Amino acid sequence: MLGYRGTGKSVIAKILSKELKRKLYRIDDLVAQTAGKSIPEIVQQEGWPAFRKLESDIVSQVTGEALDSVIDCGGGVVLDDKNRVLLKKAGKCVLLTASLSAITRRIKKDPNRPALVEGLSFEEEQKKILADRHEKYQSCADFICDTTTRKPGETAHEIIAFFKGQVWL
């Protein structure tokens, strides 16, 4: 499960995991567990490069053992070319998208989402990061779902319907 912050990755991955009876790997949770601190603490104390390195290590580990599972990736996992290759090799990649206004509404008050770019307003930052990552997200996607107006369960069922009959289901 790929996509920017606030597109519904965690909620939809949980639904898919339950409905498909597959193990769920949450990359951000595994990073925090491994580091022994929250993502905001990692970023504040060690910086984004240290977080991204740990994230890549976790992606490498999970994709090596994640047969018949659901992987909930953090929004920036696509920034590392190796991550994209490993995720594509491990299975099918679903990209969740949403309008900028839906994303900003969903994440604006979440304290667990540290700033990605300094010196920009909250809205400017989201717009810039979405534009910067667009190509990387698209290059990874086997299927794209817009979650702007859909409920998470509807999106999960759309994903299941799309891949019905595929080996991984």
N, C-alpha and C. Protein backbone atom coordinates (compact mmCIF):
# COMPACT_ATOMS: atom_id res chain seq x y z
N MET A 1 0.86 -1.15 0.00
CA MET A 1 0.00 0.00 0.00
C MET A 1 0.91 1.22 0.00
N LEU A 2 0.81 2.03 -1.05
CA LEU A 2 1.62 3.23 -1.22
C LEU A 2 0.73 4.45 -1.29
N GLY A 3 1.30 5.60 -1.01
CA GLY A 3 0.57 6.85 -1.14
C GLY A 3 1.08 7.87 -0.16
N TYR A 4 0.67 9.10 -0.38
CA TYR A 4 1.08 10.19 0.47
C TYR A 4 0.36 10.13 1.82
N ARG A 5 0.86 10.89 2.75
CA ARG A 5 0.21 11.03 4.06
C ARG A 5 -1.26 11.35 3.88
N GLY A 6 -2.10 10.73 4.68
CA GLY A 6 -3.50 11.09 4.68
C GLY A 6 -4.34 10.51 3.56
N THR A 7 -3.78 9.59 2.79
CA THR A 7 -4.57 8.98 1.71
C THR A 7 -5.34 7.75 2.19
N GLY A 8 -5.07 7.30 3.41
CA GLY A 8 -5.82 6.17 3.97
C GLY A 8 -5.08 4.85 3.98
N LYS A 9 -3.78 4.87 3.77
CA LYS A 9 -3.00 3.63 3.67
C LYS A 9 -3.18 2.72 4.89
N SER A 10 -3.03 3.26 6.07
CA SER A 10 -3.07 2.43 7.28
C SER A 10 -4.44 1.82 7.51
N VAL A 11 -5.48 2.61 7.35
CA VAL A 11 -6.84 2.12 7.57
C VAL A 11 -7.20 1.06 6.53
N ILE A 12 -6.90 1.34 5.28
CA ILE A 12 -7.26 0.42 4.19
C ILE A 12 -6.41 -0.85 4.26
N ALA A 13 -5.13 -0.71 4.60
CA ALA A 13 -4.27 -1.90 4.74
C ALA A 13 -4.80 -2.82 5.83
N LYS A 14 -5.29 -2.24 6.93
CA LYS A 14 -5.85 -3.04 8.03
C LYS A 14 -7.09 -3.79 7.56
N ILE A 15 -7.94 -3.12 6.82
CA ILE A 15 -9.16 -3.77 6.29
C ILE A 15 -8.77 -4.90 5.35
N LEU A 16 -7.83 -4.63 4.43
CA LEU A 16 -7.40 -5.67 3.48
C LEU A 16 -6.79 -6.87 4.21
N SER A 17 -5.97 -6.59 5.19
CA SER A 17 -5.34 -7.66 5.96
C SER A 17 -6.39 -8.56 6.60
N LYS A 18 -7.38 -7.94 7.19
CA LYS A 18 -8.45 -8.69 7.87
C LYS A 18 -9.30 -9.47 6.86
N GLU A 19 -9.72 -8.80 5.80
CA GLU A 19 -10.61 -9.46 4.83
C GLU A 19 -9.90 -10.58 4.05
N LEU A 20 -8.62 -10.38 3.77
CA LEU A 20 -7.86 -11.38 3.01
C LEU A 20 -7.17 -12.40 3.91
N LYS A 21 -7.29 -12.18 5.23
CA LYS A 21 -6.64 -13.05 6.21
C LYS A 21 -5.14 -13.15 5.94
N ARG A 22 -4.53 -11.97 5.78
CA ARG A 22 -3.09 -11.86 5.51
C ARG A 22 -2.42 -11.09 6.63
N LYS A 23 -1.17 -11.41 6.88
CA LYS A 23 -0.39 -10.69 7.87
C LYS A 23 -0.20 -9.25 7.40
N LEU A 24 -0.23 -8.31 8.35
CA LEU A 24 -0.05 -6.90 8.05
C LEU A 24 1.29 -6.42 8.58
N TYR A 25 2.07 -5.82 7.71
CA TYR A 25 3.33 -5.18 8.09
C TYR A 25 3.14 -3.68 7.95
N ARG A 26 3.35 -2.94 9.03
CA ARG A 26 3.26 -1.48 9.00
C ARG A 26 4.69 -0.94 9.10
N ILE A 27 5.21 -0.46 7.99
CA ILE A 27 6.61 -0.03 7.93
C ILE A 27 6.91 1.05 8.98
N ASP A 28 6.06 2.07 9.10
CA ASP A 28 6.32 3.13 10.07
C ASP A 28 6.36 2.59 11.50
N ASP A 29 5.46 1.68 11.84
CA ASP A 29 5.45 1.09 13.18
C ASP A 29 6.72 0.27 13.42
N LEU A 30 7.15 -0.46 12.40
CA LEU A 30 8.37 -1.27 12.55
C LEU A 30 9.60 -0.38 12.69
N VAL A 31 9.64 0.75 12.00
CA VAL A 31 10.74 1.69 12.14
C VAL A 31 10.77 2.22 13.58
N ALA A 32 9.61 2.64 14.08
CA ALA A 32 9.55 3.18 15.45
C ALA A 32 9.94 2.12 16.48
N GLN A 33 9.47 0.89 16.29
CA GLN A 33 9.83 -0.21 17.21
C GLN A 33 11.33 -0.45 17.19
N THR A 34 11.90 -0.51 16.01
CA THR A 34 13.33 -0.78 15.86
C THR A 34 14.16 0.33 16.51
N ALA A 35 13.74 1.57 16.31
CA ALA A 35 14.47 2.72 16.86
C ALA A 35 14.21 2.91 18.36
N GLY A 36 13.10 2.37 18.82
CA GLY A 36 12.74 2.56 20.22
C GLY A 36 12.23 3.95 20.52
N LYS A 37 11.74 4.63 19.48
CA LYS A 37 11.19 5.98 19.66
C LYS A 37 10.24 6.28 18.52
N SER A 38 9.44 7.32 18.69
CA SER A 38 8.46 7.69 17.67
C SER A 38 9.15 8.29 16.45
N ILE A 39 8.43 8.34 15.34
CA ILE A 39 8.98 8.93 14.12
C ILE A 39 9.34 10.41 14.34
N PRO A 40 8.47 11.21 14.97
CA PRO A 40 8.89 12.60 15.23
C PRO A 40 10.18 12.68 16.06
N GLU A 41 10.35 11.77 17.01
CA GLU A 41 11.59 11.77 17.81
C GLU A 41 12.80 11.39 16.96
N ILE A 42 12.64 10.40 16.10
CA ILE A 42 13.74 9.99 15.21
C ILE A 42 14.15 11.18 14.35
N VAL A 43 13.16 11.82 13.73
CA VAL A 43 13.43 12.95 12.82
C VAL A 43 14.07 14.11 13.58
N GLN A 44 13.53 14.43 14.76
CA GLN A 44 14.06 15.55 15.54
C GLN A 44 15.49 15.28 16.01
N GLN A 45 15.76 14.06 16.47
CA GLN A 45 17.06 13.74 17.06
C GLN A 45 18.11 13.35 16.03
N GLU A 46 17.68 12.68 14.96
CA GLU A 46 18.65 12.12 14.01
C GLU A 46 18.50 12.63 12.59
N GLY A 47 17.35 13.24 12.28
CA GLY A 47 17.11 13.80 10.95
C GLY A 47 16.42 12.82 10.01
N TRP A 48 15.90 13.37 8.91
CA TRP A 48 15.21 12.55 7.92
C TRP A 48 16.11 11.50 7.28
N PRO A 49 17.39 11.80 6.99
CA PRO A 49 18.24 10.76 6.37
C PRO A 49 18.36 9.49 7.24
N ALA A 50 18.47 9.66 8.55
CA ALA A 50 18.55 8.49 9.44
C ALA A 50 17.23 7.72 9.42
N PHE A 51 16.12 8.45 9.42
CA PHE A 51 14.82 7.78 9.33
C PHE A 51 14.72 7.00 8.02
N ARG A 52 15.08 7.63 6.91
CA ARG A 52 14.97 6.97 5.60
C ARG A 52 15.86 5.73 5.52
N LYS A 53 17.03 5.78 6.12
CA LYS A 53 17.94 4.61 6.14
C LYS A 53 17.29 3.47 6.90
N LEU A 54 16.75 3.75 8.06
CA LEU A 54 16.08 2.72 8.86
C LEU A 54 14.85 2.19 8.11
N GLU A 55 14.11 3.08 7.48
CA GLU A 55 12.94 2.69 6.69
C GLU A 55 13.35 1.71 5.59
N SER A 56 14.44 2.01 4.88
CA SER A 56 14.91 1.14 3.80
C SER A 56 15.35 -0.22 4.34
N ASP A 57 16.00 -0.23 5.49
CA ASP A 57 16.39 -1.50 6.11
C ASP A 57 15.16 -2.35 6.42
N ILE A 58 14.12 -1.72 6.93
CA ILE A 58 12.88 -2.43 7.27
C ILE A 58 12.20 -2.93 6.00
N VAL A 59 12.14 -2.11 4.96
CA VAL A 59 11.54 -2.53 3.69
C VAL A 59 12.27 -3.76 3.15
N SER A 60 13.58 -3.72 3.19
CA SER A 60 14.38 -4.86 2.71
C SER A 60 14.05 -6.13 3.51
N GLN A 61 13.97 -5.99 4.81
CA GLN A 61 13.65 -7.14 5.67
C GLN A 61 12.24 -7.66 5.40
N VAL A 62 11.27 -6.77 5.38
CA VAL A 62 9.87 -7.16 5.22
C VAL A 62 9.60 -7.78 3.86
N THR A 63 10.14 -7.18 2.81
CA THR A 63 9.87 -7.72 1.47
C THR A 63 10.52 -9.10 1.28
N GLY A 64 11.52 -9.40 2.08
CA GLY A 64 12.14 -10.71 2.03
C GLY A 64 11.32 -11.79 2.70
N GLU A 65 10.43 -11.40 3.60
CA GLU A 65 9.66 -12.38 4.36
C GLU A 65 8.15 -12.22 4.22
N ALA A 66 7.71 -11.26 3.43
CA ALA A 66 6.30 -10.86 3.41
C ALA A 66 5.43 -11.57 2.37
N LEU A 67 5.67 -12.82 2.13
CA LEU A 67 4.85 -13.56 1.18
C LEU A 67 3.41 -13.60 1.66
N ASP A 68 2.47 -13.37 0.76
CA ASP A 68 1.04 -13.40 1.08
C ASP A 68 0.70 -12.48 2.26
N SER A 69 1.13 -11.25 2.18
CA SER A 69 0.86 -10.30 3.26
C SER A 69 0.46 -8.96 2.67
N VAL A 70 0.12 -8.04 3.55
CA VAL A 70 -0.19 -6.67 3.18
C VAL A 70 0.87 -5.79 3.83
N ILE A 71 1.49 -4.93 3.02
CA ILE A 71 2.52 -4.03 3.54
C ILE A 71 2.00 -2.60 3.45
N ASP A 72 1.92 -1.95 4.61
CA ASP A 72 1.49 -0.56 4.72
C ASP A 72 2.76 0.29 4.78
N CYS A 73 3.07 0.95 3.67
CA CYS A 73 4.31 1.74 3.58
C CYS A 73 4.08 3.18 4.00
N GLY A 74 5.11 3.79 4.54
CA GLY A 74 5.07 5.21 4.82
C GLY A 74 5.05 5.99 3.51
N GLY A 75 4.60 7.22 3.56
CA GLY A 75 4.45 8.02 2.35
C GLY A 75 5.72 8.27 1.58
N GLY A 76 6.87 8.27 2.25
CA GLY A 76 8.13 8.56 1.58
C GLY A 76 8.93 7.35 1.17
N VAL A 77 8.37 6.17 1.33
CA VAL A 77 9.12 4.95 1.00
C VAL A 77 9.58 4.94 -0.46
N VAL A 78 8.84 5.61 -1.33
CA VAL A 78 9.17 5.61 -2.76
C VAL A 78 10.38 6.47 -3.10
N LEU A 79 10.89 7.23 -2.15
CA LEU A 79 12.03 8.11 -2.41
C LEU A 79 13.30 7.32 -2.69
N ASP A 80 13.39 6.11 -2.19
CA ASP A 80 14.56 5.25 -2.39
C ASP A 80 14.28 4.29 -3.55
N ASP A 81 15.11 4.35 -4.58
CA ASP A 81 14.93 3.48 -5.75
C ASP A 81 14.90 2.00 -5.35
N LYS A 82 15.77 1.62 -4.42
CA LYS A 82 15.84 0.22 -3.98
C LYS A 82 14.51 -0.21 -3.36
N ASN A 83 13.89 0.66 -2.57
CA ASN A 83 12.59 0.33 -1.97
C ASN A 83 11.56 0.04 -3.06
N ARG A 84 11.53 0.89 -4.08
CA ARG A 84 10.54 0.69 -5.15
C ARG A 84 10.77 -0.65 -5.84
N VAL A 85 12.01 -0.98 -6.12
CA VAL A 85 12.33 -2.26 -6.77
C VAL A 85 11.91 -3.43 -5.89
N LEU A 86 12.26 -3.37 -4.61
CA LEU A 86 11.92 -4.46 -3.69
C LEU A 86 10.41 -4.63 -3.55
N LEU A 87 9.69 -3.54 -3.44
CA LEU A 87 8.24 -3.62 -3.29
C LEU A 87 7.58 -4.18 -4.55
N LYS A 88 8.04 -3.75 -5.71
CA LYS A 88 7.49 -4.27 -6.96
C LYS A 88 7.78 -5.77 -7.11
N LYS A 89 8.97 -6.17 -6.70
CA LYS A 89 9.35 -7.58 -6.79
C LYS A 89 8.55 -8.44 -5.81
N ALA A 90 8.22 -7.87 -4.66
CA ALA A 90 7.53 -8.62 -3.60
C ALA A 90 6.05 -8.87 -3.92
N GLY A 91 5.45 -8.04 -4.77
CA GLY A 91 4.02 -8.24 -5.04
C GLY A 91 3.44 -7.08 -5.81
N LYS A 92 2.15 -6.93 -5.67
CA LYS A 92 1.43 -5.86 -6.36
C LYS A 92 1.41 -4.61 -5.49
N CYS A 93 1.60 -3.47 -6.12
CA CYS A 93 1.61 -2.19 -5.40
C CYS A 93 0.35 -1.40 -5.72
N VAL A 94 -0.38 -1.07 -4.67
CA VAL A 94 -1.58 -0.25 -4.79
C VAL A 94 -1.24 1.15 -4.32
N LEU A 95 -1.52 2.12 -5.16
CA LEU A 95 -1.29 3.52 -4.83
C LEU A 95 -2.61 4.17 -4.46
N LEU A 96 -2.66 4.76 -3.28
CA LEU A 96 -3.83 5.52 -2.85
C LEU A 96 -3.53 7.00 -3.06
N THR A 97 -4.49 7.69 -3.65
CA THR A 97 -4.37 9.11 -3.88
C THR A 97 -5.57 9.82 -3.25
N ALA A 98 -5.47 11.12 -3.13
CA ALA A 98 -6.58 11.94 -2.65
C ALA A 98 -6.29 13.37 -3.07
N SER A 99 -7.32 14.18 -3.09
CA SER A 99 -7.13 15.59 -3.44
C SER A 99 -6.28 16.27 -2.36
N LEU A 100 -5.62 17.34 -2.76
CA LEU A 100 -4.81 18.11 -1.82
C LEU A 100 -5.65 18.59 -0.65
N SER A 101 -6.86 19.05 -0.91
CA SER A 101 -7.71 19.54 0.18
C SER A 101 -8.09 18.41 1.14
N ALA A 102 -8.36 17.23 0.62
CA ALA A 102 -8.68 16.09 1.49
C ALA A 102 -7.47 15.70 2.34
N ILE A 103 -6.31 15.68 1.73
CA ILE A 103 -5.08 15.33 2.46
C ILE A 103 -4.82 16.33 3.58
N THR A 104 -4.86 17.62 3.25
CA THR A 104 -4.56 18.62 4.28
C THR A 104 -5.59 18.58 5.41
N ARG A 105 -6.84 18.35 5.07
CA ARG A 105 -7.89 18.25 6.10
C ARG A 105 -7.62 17.05 7.02
N ARG A 106 -7.20 15.93 6.43
CA ARG A 106 -6.99 14.70 7.20
C ARG A 106 -5.75 14.75 8.10
N ILE A 107 -4.70 15.44 7.67
CA ILE A 107 -3.44 15.36 8.42
C ILE A 107 -3.07 16.63 9.19
N LYS A 108 -3.79 17.69 9.00
CA LYS A 108 -3.39 18.99 9.56
C LYS A 108 -3.12 18.96 11.06
N LYS A 109 -3.91 18.24 11.82
CA LYS A 109 -3.76 18.28 13.28
C LYS A 109 -3.06 17.06 13.86
N ASP A 110 -2.47 16.24 13.01
CA ASP A 110 -1.81 15.02 13.48
C ASP A 110 -0.38 15.34 13.94
N PRO A 111 -0.09 15.21 15.24
CA PRO A 111 1.24 15.54 15.75
C PRO A 111 2.32 14.52 15.37
N ASN A 112 1.92 13.40 14.81
CA ASN A 112 2.88 12.35 14.43
C ASN A 112 3.40 12.51 13.02
N ARG A 113 3.17 13.66 12.41
CA ARG A 113 3.62 13.90 11.05
C ARG A 113 4.55 15.11 11.03
N PRO A 114 5.84 14.88 11.27
CA PRO A 114 6.78 16.01 11.29
C PRO A 114 6.91 16.65 9.91
N ALA A 115 7.26 17.93 9.91
CA ALA A 115 7.43 18.67 8.65
C ALA A 115 8.47 17.98 7.77
N LEU A 116 8.20 17.96 6.48
CA LEU A 116 9.12 17.36 5.51
C LEU A 116 10.02 18.41 4.89
N VAL A 117 9.53 19.64 4.82
CA VAL A 117 10.28 20.75 4.22
C VAL A 117 10.13 21.95 5.14
N GLU A 118 11.23 22.57 5.47
CA GLU A 118 11.20 23.76 6.33
C GLU A 118 10.95 25.01 5.49
N GLY A 119 10.33 26.01 6.09
CA GLY A 119 10.17 27.31 5.44
C GLY A 119 8.96 27.45 4.55
N LEU A 120 8.09 26.45 4.51
CA LEU A 120 6.87 26.54 3.71
C LEU A 120 5.67 26.48 4.64
N SER A 121 4.56 27.04 4.19
CA SER A 121 3.32 26.88 4.95
C SER A 121 2.92 25.41 4.87
N PHE A 122 2.04 25.00 5.74
CA PHE A 122 1.59 23.61 5.75
C PHE A 122 1.05 23.19 4.38
N GLU A 123 0.17 24.01 3.81
CA GLU A 123 -0.43 23.68 2.51
C GLU A 123 0.62 23.67 1.39
N GLU A 124 1.52 24.66 1.39
CA GLU A 124 2.57 24.71 0.37
C GLU A 124 3.46 23.45 0.44
N GLU A 125 3.77 23.03 1.67
CA GLU A 125 4.59 21.84 1.84
C GLU A 125 3.91 20.61 1.23
N GLN A 126 2.64 20.42 1.52
CA GLN A 126 1.93 19.24 1.00
C GLN A 126 1.90 19.26 -0.53
N LYS A 127 1.62 20.43 -1.09
CA LYS A 127 1.56 20.56 -2.55
C LYS A 127 2.92 20.25 -3.19
N LYS A 128 3.99 20.77 -2.61
CA LYS A 128 5.34 20.55 -3.14
C LYS A 128 5.73 19.07 -3.06
N ILE A 129 5.53 18.45 -1.92
CA ILE A 129 5.93 17.06 -1.73
C ILE A 129 5.12 16.14 -2.65
N LEU A 130 3.83 16.39 -2.76
CA LEU A 130 3.01 15.59 -3.68
C LEU A 130 3.54 15.69 -5.11
N ALA A 131 3.86 16.89 -5.54
CA ALA A 131 4.39 17.08 -6.90
C ALA A 131 5.74 16.39 -7.06
N ASP A 132 6.60 16.53 -6.06
CA ASP A 132 7.94 15.92 -6.12
C ASP A 132 7.88 14.40 -6.19
N ARG A 133 6.89 13.80 -5.53
CA ARG A 133 6.81 12.33 -5.46
C ARG A 133 5.91 11.71 -6.52
N HIS A 134 5.17 12.52 -7.23
CA HIS A 134 4.17 12.01 -8.17
C HIS A 134 4.71 10.92 -9.10
N GLU A 135 5.79 11.20 -9.78
CA GLU A 135 6.35 10.23 -10.74
C GLU A 135 6.77 8.93 -10.06
N LYS A 136 7.38 9.04 -8.89
CA LYS A 136 7.83 7.85 -8.17
C LYS A 136 6.64 6.99 -7.75
N TYR A 137 5.58 7.62 -7.26
CA TYR A 137 4.37 6.87 -6.91
C TYR A 137 3.80 6.17 -8.14
N GLN A 138 3.68 6.91 -9.23
CA GLN A 138 3.08 6.37 -10.45
C GLN A 138 3.89 5.19 -10.99
N SER A 139 5.22 5.29 -10.91
CA SER A 139 6.07 4.24 -11.47
C SER A 139 5.94 2.92 -10.71
N CYS A 140 5.50 2.99 -9.49
CA CYS A 140 5.37 1.80 -8.64
C CYS A 140 3.99 1.16 -8.74
N ALA A 141 3.01 1.91 -9.14
CA ALA A 141 1.61 1.49 -9.01
C ALA A 141 1.17 0.44 -10.03
N ASP A 142 0.62 -0.65 -9.49
CA ASP A 142 -0.08 -1.62 -10.32
C ASP A 142 -1.56 -1.27 -10.41
N PHE A 143 -2.03 -0.53 -9.43
CA PHE A 143 -3.43 -0.11 -9.36
C PHE A 143 -3.49 1.18 -8.55
N ILE A 144 -4.34 2.11 -8.98
CA ILE A 144 -4.46 3.41 -8.31
C ILE A 144 -5.91 3.62 -7.87
N CYS A 145 -6.08 4.00 -6.61
CA CYS A 145 -7.41 4.30 -6.07
C CYS A 145 -7.42 5.70 -5.49
N ASP A 146 -8.39 6.49 -5.87
CA ASP A 146 -8.56 7.83 -5.29
C ASP A 146 -9.50 7.70 -4.09
N THR A 147 -9.01 8.09 -2.93
CA THR A 147 -9.77 7.95 -1.69
C THR A 147 -10.47 9.23 -1.25
N THR A 148 -10.44 10.25 -2.10
CA THR A 148 -10.97 11.56 -1.73
C THR A 148 -12.40 11.47 -1.19
N THR A 149 -13.27 10.76 -1.88
CA THR A 149 -14.68 10.73 -1.47
C THR A 149 -15.16 9.33 -1.06
N ARG A 150 -14.29 8.35 -1.12
CA ARG A 150 -14.68 6.98 -0.78
C ARG A 150 -14.41 6.66 0.68
N LYS A 151 -15.25 5.83 1.24
CA LYS A 151 -15.01 5.30 2.58
C LYS A 151 -13.92 4.23 2.47
N PRO A 152 -13.13 4.01 3.53
CA PRO A 152 -12.05 3.02 3.47
C PRO A 152 -12.51 1.62 3.05
N GLY A 153 -13.65 1.18 3.56
CA GLY A 153 -14.16 -0.15 3.19
C GLY A 153 -14.47 -0.25 1.71
N GLU A 154 -15.00 0.82 1.13
CA GLU A 154 -15.30 0.84 -0.31
C GLU A 154 -14.01 0.70 -1.11
N THR A 155 -12.97 1.43 -0.69
CA THR A 155 -11.68 1.37 -1.39
C THR A 155 -11.08 -0.02 -1.26
N ALA A 156 -11.15 -0.61 -0.09
CA ALA A 156 -10.61 -1.97 0.11
C ALA A 156 -11.33 -2.96 -0.80
N HIS A 157 -12.63 -2.86 -0.90
CA HIS A 157 -13.38 -3.77 -1.77
C HIS A 157 -13.07 -3.54 -3.24
N GLU A 158 -12.82 -2.28 -3.61
CA GLU A 158 -12.42 -1.99 -4.99
C GLU A 158 -11.07 -2.64 -5.30
N ILE A 159 -10.15 -2.59 -4.37
CA ILE A 159 -8.84 -3.20 -4.55
C ILE A 159 -8.97 -4.71 -4.69
N ILE A 160 -9.75 -5.31 -3.82
CA ILE A 160 -9.95 -6.77 -3.88
C ILE A 160 -10.58 -7.15 -5.21
N ALA A 161 -11.60 -6.41 -5.63
CA ALA A 161 -12.27 -6.71 -6.90
C ALA A 161 -11.31 -6.60 -8.08
N PHE A 162 -10.46 -5.58 -8.06
CA PHE A 162 -9.52 -5.38 -9.16
C PHE A 162 -8.55 -6.56 -9.29
N PHE A 163 -8.04 -7.02 -8.16
CA PHE A 163 -7.05 -8.09 -8.20
C PHE A 163 -7.64 -9.50 -8.09
N LYS A 164 -8.93 -9.59 -8.04
CA LYS A 164 -9.58 -10.91 -7.91
C LYS A 164 -9.08 -11.84 -9.03
N GLY A 165 -8.73 -13.03 -8.62
CA GLY A 165 -8.20 -13.98 -9.60
C GLY A 165 -6.68 -13.95 -9.74
N GLN A 166 -6.04 -12.94 -9.12
CA GLN A 166 -4.58 -12.87 -9.16
C GLN A 166 -4.02 -13.86 -8.14
N VAL A 167 -2.81 -14.32 -8.36
CA VAL A 167 -2.17 -15.30 -7.49
C VAL A 167 -2.07 -14.80 -6.06
N TRP A 168 -1.81 -13.50 -5.86
CA TRP A 168 -1.56 -13.00 -4.50
C TRP A 168 -2.80 -12.94 -3.64
N LEU A 169 -4.01 -13.11 -4.21
CA LEU A 169 -5.21 -13.10 -3.38
C LEU A 169 -5.56 -14.46 -2.97
